[in-house]
Amino acid sequence: MLAARGMQRARLVGPSYGALVAVHFADRHPDRVLGVVSVDSAQPYGITGEESRERIRRPFRQARPLMPLLRPLGMSARMSTPPIRT
């Protein structure tokens, strides 16, 4: 996205799970990030490395069978931010 906009560096703002993604991107590409704003998220440190990835993925794999039941109720994990209503 940065390349498409002709930008070299950006400030990243991430709500909820997006905060973890923003911190992870900043960790891997510090030369592309001016700063990170984490909004409503757990402490996003220690998420790099295979051991940490597995620790994060395990609960999602365990919950996978429940997602079709939870999704209609709005209780499943979301990978995008819902639209802001004004």
PDB file of N, CA and C in Angstrom:
ATOM      1  N   MET A   1       0.820  -1.174   0.000  1.00  0.00           N
ATOM      2  CA  MET A   1       0.000   0.000   0.000  1.00  0.00           C
ATOM      3  C   MET A   1       0.876   1.254   0.000  1.00  0.00           C
ATOM      4  N   LEU A   2       1.966   1.204   0.750  1.00  0.00           N
ATOM      5  CA  LEU A   2       2.861   2.362   0.780  1.00  0.00           C
ATOM      6  C   LEU A   2       3.402   2.661  -0.616  1.00  0.00           C
ATOM      7  N   ALA A   3       3.847   1.620  -1.315  1.00  0.00           N
ATOM      8  CA  ALA A   3       4.393   1.805  -2.660  1.00  0.00           C
ATOM      9  C   ALA A   3       3.327   2.348  -3.606  1.00  0.00           C
ATOM     10  N   ALA A   4       2.099   1.847  -3.491  1.00  0.00           N
ATOM     11  CA  ALA A   4       1.026   2.304  -4.371  1.00  0.00           C
ATOM     12  C   ALA A   4       0.715   3.782  -4.159  1.00  0.00           C
ATOM     13  N   ARG A   5       0.910   4.259  -2.948  1.00  0.00           N
ATOM     14  CA  ARG A   5       0.659   5.674  -2.631  1.00  0.00           C
ATOM     15  C   ARG A   5       1.898   6.538  -2.819  1.00  0.00           C
ATOM     16  N   GLY A   6       3.031   5.911  -3.187  1.00  0.00           N
ATOM     17  CA  GLY A   6       4.270   6.661  -3.366  1.00  0.00           C
ATOM     18  C   GLY A   6       4.874   7.143  -2.062  1.00  0.00           C
ATOM     19  N   MET A   7       4.615   6.416  -0.987  1.00  0.00           N
ATOM     20  CA  MET A   7       5.106   6.808   0.333  1.00  0.00           C
ATOM     21  C   MET A   7       6.291   5.930   0.733  1.00  0.00           C
ATOM     22  N   GLN A   8       7.249   6.529   1.384  1.00  0.00           N
ATOM     23  CA  GLN A   8       8.399   5.781   1.878  1.00  0.00           C
ATOM     24  C   GLN A   8       8.151   5.244   3.288  1.00  0.00           C
ATOM     25  N   ARG A   9       7.545   6.086   4.136  1.00  0.00           N
ATOM     26  CA  ARG A   9       7.300   5.718   5.535  1.00  0.00           C
ATOM     27  C   ARG A   9       5.918   6.196   5.947  1.00  0.00           C
ATOM     28  N   ALA A  10       5.357   5.546   6.963  1.00  0.00           N
ATOM     29  CA  ALA A  10       4.019   5.928   7.423  1.00  0.00           C
ATOM     30  C   ALA A  10       3.888   5.681   8.914  1.00  0.00           C
ATOM     31  N   ARG A  11       2.925   6.369   9.511  1.00  0.00           N
ATOM     32  CA  ARG A  11       2.511   6.063  10.878  1.00  0.00           C
ATOM     33  C   ARG A  11       1.374   5.064  10.768  1.00  0.00           C
ATOM     34  N   LEU A  12       1.455   4.000  11.525  1.00  0.00           N
ATOM     35  CA  LEU A  12       0.436   2.959  11.467  1.00  0.00           C
ATOM     36  C   LEU A  12      -0.492   3.085  12.668  1.00  0.00           C
ATOM     37  N   VAL A  13      -1.789   3.008  12.419  1.00  0.00           N
ATOM     38  CA  VAL A  13      -2.793   3.021  13.471  1.00  0.00           C
ATOM     39  C   VAL A  13      -3.545   1.700  13.371  1.00  0.00           C
ATOM     40  N   GLY A  14      -3.569   0.959  14.465  1.00  0.00           N
ATOM     41  CA  GLY A  14      -4.230  -0.335  14.440  1.00  0.00           C
ATOM     42  C   GLY A  14      -5.163  -0.522  15.609  1.00  0.00           C
ATOM     43  N   PRO A  15      -6.476  -0.712  15.325  1.00  0.00           N
ATOM     44  CA  PRO A  15      -7.411  -1.033  16.405  1.00  0.00           C
ATOM     45  C   PRO A  15      -7.470  -2.525  16.643  1.00  0.00           C
ATOM     46  N   SER A  16      -7.573  -2.941  17.891  1.00  0.00           N
ATOM     47  CA  SER A  16      -7.752  -4.332  18.273  1.00  0.00           C
ATOM     48  C   SER A  16      -6.656  -5.211  17.672  1.00  0.00           C
ATOM     49  N   TYR A  17      -7.038  -6.220  16.890  1.00  0.00           N
ATOM     50  CA  TYR A  17      -6.044  -7.117  16.285  1.00  0.00           C
ATOM     51  C   TYR A  17      -5.135  -6.359  15.312  1.00  0.00           C
ATOM     52  N   GLY A  18      -5.644  -5.291  14.713  1.00  0.00           N
ATOM     53  CA  GLY A  18      -4.835  -4.476  13.805  1.00  0.00           C
ATOM     54  C   GLY A  18      -3.630  -3.871  14.492  1.00  0.00           C
ATOM     55  N   ALA A  19      -3.719  -3.640  15.807  1.00  0.00           N
ATOM     56  CA  ALA A  19      -2.574  -3.127  16.557  1.00  0.00           C
ATOM     57  C   ALA A  19      -1.439  -4.147  16.556  1.00  0.00           C
ATOM     58  N   LEU A  20      -1.790  -5.417  16.710  1.00  0.00           N
ATOM     59  CA  LEU A  20      -0.767  -6.462  16.667  1.00  0.00           C
ATOM     60  C   LEU A  20      -0.138  -6.542  15.279  1.00  0.00           C
ATOM     61  N   VAL A  21      -0.965  -6.407  14.247  1.00  0.00           N
ATOM     62  CA  VAL A  21      -0.459  -6.444  12.875  1.00  0.00           C
ATOM     63  C   VAL A  21       0.477  -5.259  12.632  1.00  0.00           C
ATOM     64  N   ALA A  22       0.096  -4.080  13.103  1.00  0.00           N
ATOM     65  CA  ALA A  22       0.918  -2.880  12.919  1.00  0.00           C
ATOM     66  C   ALA A  22       2.267  -3.027  13.616  1.00  0.00           C
ATOM     67  N   VAL A  23       2.267  -3.526  14.829  1.00  0.00           N
ATOM     68  CA  VAL A  23       3.514  -3.715  15.569  1.00  0.00           C
ATOM     69  C   VAL A  23       4.374  -4.777  14.892  1.00  0.00           C
ATOM     70  N   HIS A  24       3.742  -5.826  14.415  1.00  0.00           N
ATOM     71  CA  HIS A  24       4.472  -6.885  13.728  1.00  0.00           C
ATOM     72  C   HIS A  24       5.127  -6.336  12.453  1.00  0.00           C
ATOM     73  N   PHE A  25       4.392  -5.533  11.688  1.00  0.00           N
ATOM     74  CA  PHE A  25       4.947  -4.920  10.474  1.00  0.00           C
ATOM     75  C   PHE A  25       6.113  -4.003  10.837  1.00  0.00           C
ATOM     76  N   ALA A  26       5.943  -3.200  11.879  1.00  0.00           N
ATOM     77  CA  ALA A  26       7.006  -2.283  12.304  1.00  0.00           C
ATOM     78  C   ALA A  26       8.247  -3.048  12.753  1.00  0.00           C
ATOM     79  N   ASP A  27       8.044  -4.190  13.396  1.00  0.00           N
ATOM     80  CA  ASP A  27       9.166  -5.014  13.836  1.00  0.00           C
ATOM     81  C   ASP A  27       9.947  -5.558  12.647  1.00  0.00           C
ATOM     82  N   ARG A  28       9.242  -5.940  11.603  1.00  0.00           N
ATOM     83  CA  ARG A  28       9.893  -6.508  10.415  1.00  0.00           C
ATOM     84  C   ARG A  28      10.426  -5.453   9.456  1.00  0.00           C
ATOM     85  N   HIS A  29       9.832  -4.264   9.449  1.00  0.00           N
ATOM     86  CA  HIS A  29      10.215  -3.214   8.505  1.00  0.00           C
ATOM     87  C   HIS A  29      10.387  -1.868   9.215  1.00  0.00           C
ATOM     88  N   PRO A  30      11.329  -1.755  10.140  1.00  0.00           N
ATOM     89  CA  PRO A  30      11.463  -0.501  10.897  1.00  0.00           C
ATOM     90  C   PRO A  30      11.794   0.704  10.024  1.00  0.00           C
ATOM     91  N   ASP A  31      12.406   0.477   8.876  1.00  0.00           N
ATOM     92  CA  ASP A  31      12.750   1.572   7.973  1.00  0.00           C
ATOM     93  C   ASP A  31      11.532   2.135   7.241  1.00  0.00           C
ATOM     94  N   ARG A  32      10.376   1.455   7.286  1.00  0.00           N
ATOM     95  CA  ARG A  32       9.167   1.895   6.585  1.00  0.00           C
ATOM     96  C   ARG A  32       8.147   2.555   7.521  1.00  0.00           C
ATOM     97  N   VAL A  33       8.436   2.574   8.835  1.00  0.00           N
ATOM     98  CA  VAL A  33       7.441   3.024   9.810  1.00  0.00           C
ATOM     99  C   VAL A  33       7.957   4.215  10.612  1.00  0.00           C
ATOM    100  N   LEU A  34       7.127   5.261  10.705  1.00  0.00           N
ATOM    101  CA  LEU A  34       7.448   6.421  11.531  1.00  0.00           C
ATOM    102  C   LEU A  34       7.012   6.208  12.974  1.00  0.00           C
ATOM    103  N   GLY A  35       5.961   5.439  13.166  1.00  0.00           N
ATOM    104  CA  GLY A  35       5.451   5.171  14.500  1.00  0.00           C
ATOM    105  C   GLY A  35       4.230   4.279  14.426  1.00  0.00           C
ATOM    106  N   VAL A  36       3.815   3.766  15.582  1.00  0.00           N
ATOM    107  CA  VAL A  36       2.655   2.886  15.664  1.00  0.00           C
ATOM    108  C   VAL A  36       1.743   3.381  16.777  1.00  0.00           C
ATOM    109  N   VAL A  37       0.452   3.455  16.489  1.00  0.00           N
ATOM    110  CA  VAL A  37      -0.554   3.779  17.492  1.00  0.00           C
ATOM    111  C   VAL A  37      -1.400   2.524  17.677  1.00  0.00           C
ATOM    112  N   SER A  38      -1.329   1.939  18.857  1.00  0.00           N
ATOM    113  CA  SER A  38      -2.114   0.748  19.168  1.00  0.00           C
ATOM    114  C   SER A  38      -3.380   1.165  19.905  1.00  0.00           C
ATOM    115  N   VAL A  39      -4.532   0.796  19.358  1.00  0.00           N
ATOM    116  CA  VAL A  39      -5.812   1.198  19.930  1.00  0.00           C
ATOM    117  C   VAL A  39      -6.553  -0.039  20.423  1.00  0.00           C
ATOM    118  N   ASP A  40      -6.898  -0.069  21.711  1.00  0.00           N
ATOM    119  CA  ASP A  40      -7.723  -1.131  22.282  1.00  0.00           C
ATOM    120  C   ASP A  40      -7.152  -2.519  22.000  1.00  0.00           C
ATOM    121  N   SER A  41      -5.901  -2.707  22.386  1.00  0.00           N
ATOM    122  CA  SER A  41      -5.245  -3.985  22.105  1.00  0.00           C
ATOM    123  C   SER A  41      -4.476  -4.462  23.328  1.00  0.00           C
ATOM    124  N   ALA A  42      -4.193  -5.751  23.333  1.00  0.00           N
ATOM    125  CA  ALA A  42      -3.311  -6.306  24.360  1.00  0.00           C
ATOM    126  C   ALA A  42      -1.885  -5.837  24.081  1.00  0.00           C
ATOM    127  N   GLN A  43      -0.991  -6.052  25.015  1.00  0.00           N
ATOM    128  CA  GLN A  43       0.400  -5.678  24.806  1.00  0.00           C
ATOM    129  C   GLN A  43       0.969  -6.439  23.610  1.00  0.00           C
ATOM    130  N   PRO A  44       1.294  -5.763  22.535  1.00  0.00           N
ATOM    131  CA  PRO A  44       1.743  -6.447  21.320  1.00  0.00           C
ATOM    132  C   PRO A  44       3.255  -6.658  21.257  1.00  0.00           C
ATOM    133  N   TYR A  45       3.819  -7.281  22.264  1.00  0.00           N
ATOM    134  CA  TYR A  45       5.249  -7.557  22.197  1.00  0.00           C
ATOM    135  C   TYR A  45       5.468  -9.059  22.223  1.00  0.00           C
ATOM    136  N   GLY A  46       6.593  -9.483  21.719  1.00  0.00           N
ATOM    137  CA  GLY A  46       6.915 -10.895  21.723  1.00  0.00           C
ATOM    138  C   GLY A  46       6.100 -11.719  20.747  1.00  0.00           C
ATOM    139  N   ILE A  47       5.681 -11.136  19.617  1.00  0.00           N
ATOM    140  CA  ILE A  47       4.870 -11.894  18.676  1.00  0.00           C
ATOM    141  C   ILE A  47       5.666 -12.410  17.491  1.00  0.00           C
ATOM    142  N   THR A  48       6.956 -12.177  17.490  1.00  0.00           N
ATOM    143  CA  THR A  48       7.766 -12.683  16.389  1.00  0.00           C
ATOM    144  C   THR A  48       8.376 -14.017  16.786  1.00  0.00           C
ATOM    145  N   GLY A  49       8.775 -14.775  15.808  1.00  0.00           N
ATOM    146  CA  GLY A  49       9.363 -16.080  16.071  1.00  0.00           C
ATOM    147  C   GLY A  49       8.326 -17.181  15.960  1.00  0.00           C
ATOM    148  N   GLU A  50       8.761 -18.371  15.573  1.00  0.00           N
ATOM    149  CA  GLU A  50       7.840 -19.482  15.334  1.00  0.00           C
ATOM    150  C   GLU A  50       7.107 -19.928  16.603  1.00  0.00           C
ATOM    151  N   GLU A  51       7.781 -19.924  17.735  1.00  0.00           N
ATOM    152  CA  GLU A  51       7.126 -20.337  18.982  1.00  0.00           C
ATOM    153  C   GLU A  51       5.955 -19.417  19.318  1.00  0.00           C
ATOM    154  N   SER A  52       6.156 -18.115  19.154  1.00  0.00           N
ATOM    155  CA  SER A  52       5.083 -17.161  19.431  1.00  0.00           C
ATOM    156  C   SER A  52       3.960 -17.290  18.417  1.00  0.00           C
ATOM    157  N   ARG A  53       4.298 -17.510  17.159  1.00  0.00           N
ATOM    158  CA  ARG A  53       3.259 -17.682  16.137  1.00  0.00           C
ATOM    159  C   ARG A  53       2.364 -18.871  16.483  1.00  0.00           C
ATOM    160  N   GLU A  54       2.986 -19.956  16.896  1.00  0.00           N
ATOM    161  CA  GLU A  54       2.210 -21.151  17.244  1.00  0.00           C
ATOM    162  C   GLU A  54       1.329 -20.877  18.467  1.00  0.00           C
ATOM    163  N   ARG A  55       1.837 -20.134  19.439  1.00  0.00           N
ATOM    164  CA  ARG A  55       1.057 -19.807  20.636  1.00  0.00           C
ATOM    165  C   ARG A  55      -0.167 -18.968  20.262  1.00  0.00           C
ATOM    166  N   ILE A  56      -0.044 -18.109  19.256  1.00  0.00           N
ATOM    167  CA  ILE A  56      -1.157 -17.278  18.811  1.00  0.00           C
ATOM    168  C   ILE A  56      -2.132 -18.093  17.973  1.00  0.00           C
ATOM    169  N   ARG A  57      -1.638 -18.966  17.110  1.00  0.00           N
ATOM    170  CA  ARG A  57      -2.495 -19.728  16.206  1.00  0.00           C
ATOM    171  C   ARG A  57      -3.293 -20.824  16.907  1.00  0.00           C
ATOM    172  N   ARG A  58      -2.750 -21.414  17.963  1.00  0.00           N
ATOM    173  CA  ARG A  58      -3.397 -22.541  18.637  1.00  0.00           C
ATOM    174  C   ARG A  58      -4.841 -22.242  19.054  1.00  0.00           C
ATOM    175  N   PRO A  59      -5.124 -21.134  19.770  1.00  0.00           N
ATOM    176  CA  PRO A  59      -6.519 -20.897  20.175  1.00  0.00           C
ATOM    177  C   PRO A  59      -7.464 -20.696  18.986  1.00  0.00           C
ATOM    178  N   PHE A  60      -6.957 -20.097  17.898  1.00  0.00           N
ATOM    179  CA  PHE A  60      -7.798 -19.909  16.721  1.00  0.00           C
ATOM    180  C   PHE A  60      -8.144 -21.248  16.082  1.00  0.00           C
ATOM    181  N   ARG A  61      -7.179 -22.151  16.025  1.00  0.00           N
ATOM    182  CA  ARG A  61      -7.460 -23.490  15.485  1.00  0.00           C
ATOM    183  C   ARG A  61      -8.465 -24.227  16.368  1.00  0.00           C
ATOM    184  N   GLN A  62      -8.330 -24.081  17.677  1.00  0.00           N
ATOM    185  CA  GLN A  62      -9.246 -24.759  18.593  1.00  0.00           C
ATOM    186  C   GLN A  62     -10.665 -24.206  18.474  1.00  0.00           C
ATOM    187  N   ALA A  63     -10.795 -22.923  18.199  1.00  0.00           N
ATOM    188  CA  ALA A  63     -12.111 -22.287  18.104  1.00  0.00           C
ATOM    189  C   ALA A  63     -12.741 -22.432  16.720  1.00  0.00           C
ATOM    190  N   ARG A  64     -11.985 -22.877  15.736  1.00  0.00           N
ATOM    191  CA  ARG A  64     -12.483 -22.949  14.356  1.00  0.00           C
ATOM    192  C   ARG A  64     -13.831 -23.666  14.230  1.00  0.00           C
ATOM    193  N   PRO A  65     -14.059 -24.816  14.885  1.00  0.00           N
ATOM    194  CA  PRO A  65     -15.367 -25.488  14.729  1.00  0.00           C
ATOM    195  C   PRO A  65     -16.551 -24.659  15.235  1.00  0.00           C
ATOM    196  N   LEU A  66     -16.294 -23.738  16.153  1.00  0.00           N
ATOM    197  CA  LEU A  66     -17.385 -22.919  16.706  1.00  0.00           C
ATOM    198  C   LEU A  66     -17.739 -21.708  15.844  1.00  0.00           C
ATOM    199  N   MET A  67     -16.846 -21.307  14.957  1.00  0.00           N
ATOM    200  CA  MET A  67     -17.044 -20.064  14.206  1.00  0.00           C
ATOM    201  C   MET A  67     -18.340 -20.035  13.392  1.00  0.00           C
ATOM    202  N   PRO A  68     -18.740 -21.117  12.693  1.00  0.00           N
ATOM    203  CA  PRO A  68     -20.014 -21.047  11.961  1.00  0.00           C
ATOM    204  C   PRO A  68     -21.212 -20.790  12.881  1.00  0.00           C
ATOM    205  N   LEU A  69     -21.122 -21.225  14.119  1.00  0.00           N
ATOM    206  CA  LEU A  69     -22.217 -20.985  15.072  1.00  0.00           C
ATOM    207  C   LEU A  69     -22.171 -19.567  15.631  1.00  0.00           C
ATOM    208  N   LEU A  70     -20.976 -19.049  15.854  1.00  0.00           N
ATOM    209  CA  LEU A  70     -20.816 -17.730  16.459  1.00  0.00           C
ATOM    210  C   LEU A  70     -20.970 -16.584  15.457  1.00  0.00           C
ATOM    211  N   ARG A  71     -20.634 -16.824  14.199  1.00  0.00           N
ATOM    212  CA  ARG A  71     -20.645 -15.764  13.185  1.00  0.00           C
ATOM    213  C   ARG A  71     -22.008 -15.086  13.053  1.00  0.00           C
ATOM    214  N   PRO A  72     -23.129 -15.833  12.939  1.00  0.00           N
ATOM    215  CA  PRO A  72     -24.437 -15.152  12.824  1.00  0.00           C
ATOM    216  C   PRO A  72     -24.788 -14.307  14.042  1.00  0.00           C
ATOM    217  N   LEU A  73     -24.205 -14.617  15.178  1.00  0.00           N
ATOM    218  CA  LEU A  73     -24.471 -13.861  16.401  1.00  0.00           C
ATOM    219  C   LEU A  73     -23.533 -12.672  16.571  1.00  0.00           C
ATOM    220  N   GLY A  74     -22.588 -12.510  15.617  1.00  0.00           N
ATOM    221  CA  GLY A  74     -21.624 -11.413  15.714  1.00  0.00           C
ATOM    222  C   GLY A  74     -20.562 -11.642  16.768  1.00  0.00           C
ATOM    223  N   MET A  75     -20.321 -12.899  17.126  1.00  0.00           N
ATOM    224  CA  MET A  75     -19.375 -13.207  18.198  1.00  0.00           C
ATOM    225  C   MET A  75     -18.090 -13.857  17.692  1.00  0.00           C
ATOM    226  N   SER A  76     -17.895 -13.936  16.389  1.00  0.00           N
ATOM    227  CA  SER A  76     -16.681 -14.554  15.863  1.00  0.00           C
ATOM    228  C   SER A  76     -15.608 -13.485  15.654  1.00  0.00           C
ATOM    229  N   ALA A  77     -14.375 -13.929  15.523  1.00  0.00           N
ATOM    230  CA  ALA A  77     -13.269 -13.005  15.304  1.00  0.00           C
ATOM    231  C   ALA A  77     -13.439 -12.310  13.958  1.00  0.00           C
ATOM    232  N   ARG A  78     -13.058 -11.049  13.898  1.00  0.00           N
ATOM    233  CA  ARG A  78     -13.129 -10.277  12.664  1.00  0.00           C
ATOM    234  C   ARG A  78     -11.719  -9.932  12.233  1.00  0.00           C
ATOM    235  N   MET A  79     -11.472 -10.002  10.948  1.00  0.00           N
ATOM    236  CA  MET A  79     -10.154  -9.654  10.431  1.00  0.00           C
ATOM    237  C   MET A  79     -10.143  -8.243   9.845  1.00  0.00           C
ATOM    238  N   SER A  80     -11.256  -7.534   9.940  1.00  0.00           N
ATOM    239  CA  SER A  80     -11.300  -6.156   9.461  1.00  0.00           C
ATOM    240  C   SER A  80     -12.138  -5.340  10.449  1.00  0.00           C
ATOM    241  N   THR A  81     -11.937  -4.045  10.381  1.00  0.00           N
ATOM    242  CA  THR A  81     -12.666  -3.141  11.266  1.00  0.00           C
ATOM    243  C   THR A  81     -14.066  -2.918  10.715  1.00  0.00           C
ATOM    244  N   PRO A  82     -15.099  -2.995  11.547  1.00  0.00           N
ATOM    245  CA  PRO A  82     -16.446  -2.720  11.036  1.00  0.00           C
ATOM    246  C   PRO A  82     -16.562  -1.269  10.619  1.00  0.00           C
ATOM    247  N   PRO A  83     -17.476  -0.957   9.710  1.00  0.00           N
ATOM    248  CA  PRO A  83     -17.628   0.439   9.271  1.00  0.00           C
ATOM    249  C   PRO A  83     -18.053   1.338  10.437  1.00  0.00           C
ATOM    250  N   ILE A  84     -17.571   2.545  10.413  1.00  0.00           N
ATOM    251  CA  ILE A  84     -17.925   3.530  11.435  1.00  0.00           C
ATOM    252  C   ILE A  84     -19.232   4.200  11.027  1.00  0.00           C
ATOM    253  N   ARG A  85     -20.198   4.155  11.925  1.00  0.00           N
ATOM    254  CA  ARG A  85     -21.496   4.784  11.642  1.00  0.00           C
ATOM    255  C   ARG A  85     -21.569   6.125  12.332  1.00  0.00           C
ATOM    256  N   THR A  86     -21.970   7.125  11.587  1.00  0.00           N
ATOM    257  CA  THR A  86     -22.064   8.465  12.172  1.00  0.00           C
ATOM    258  C   THR A  86     -23.487   8.919  12.259  1.00  0.00           C
TER     259      THR A  86
END
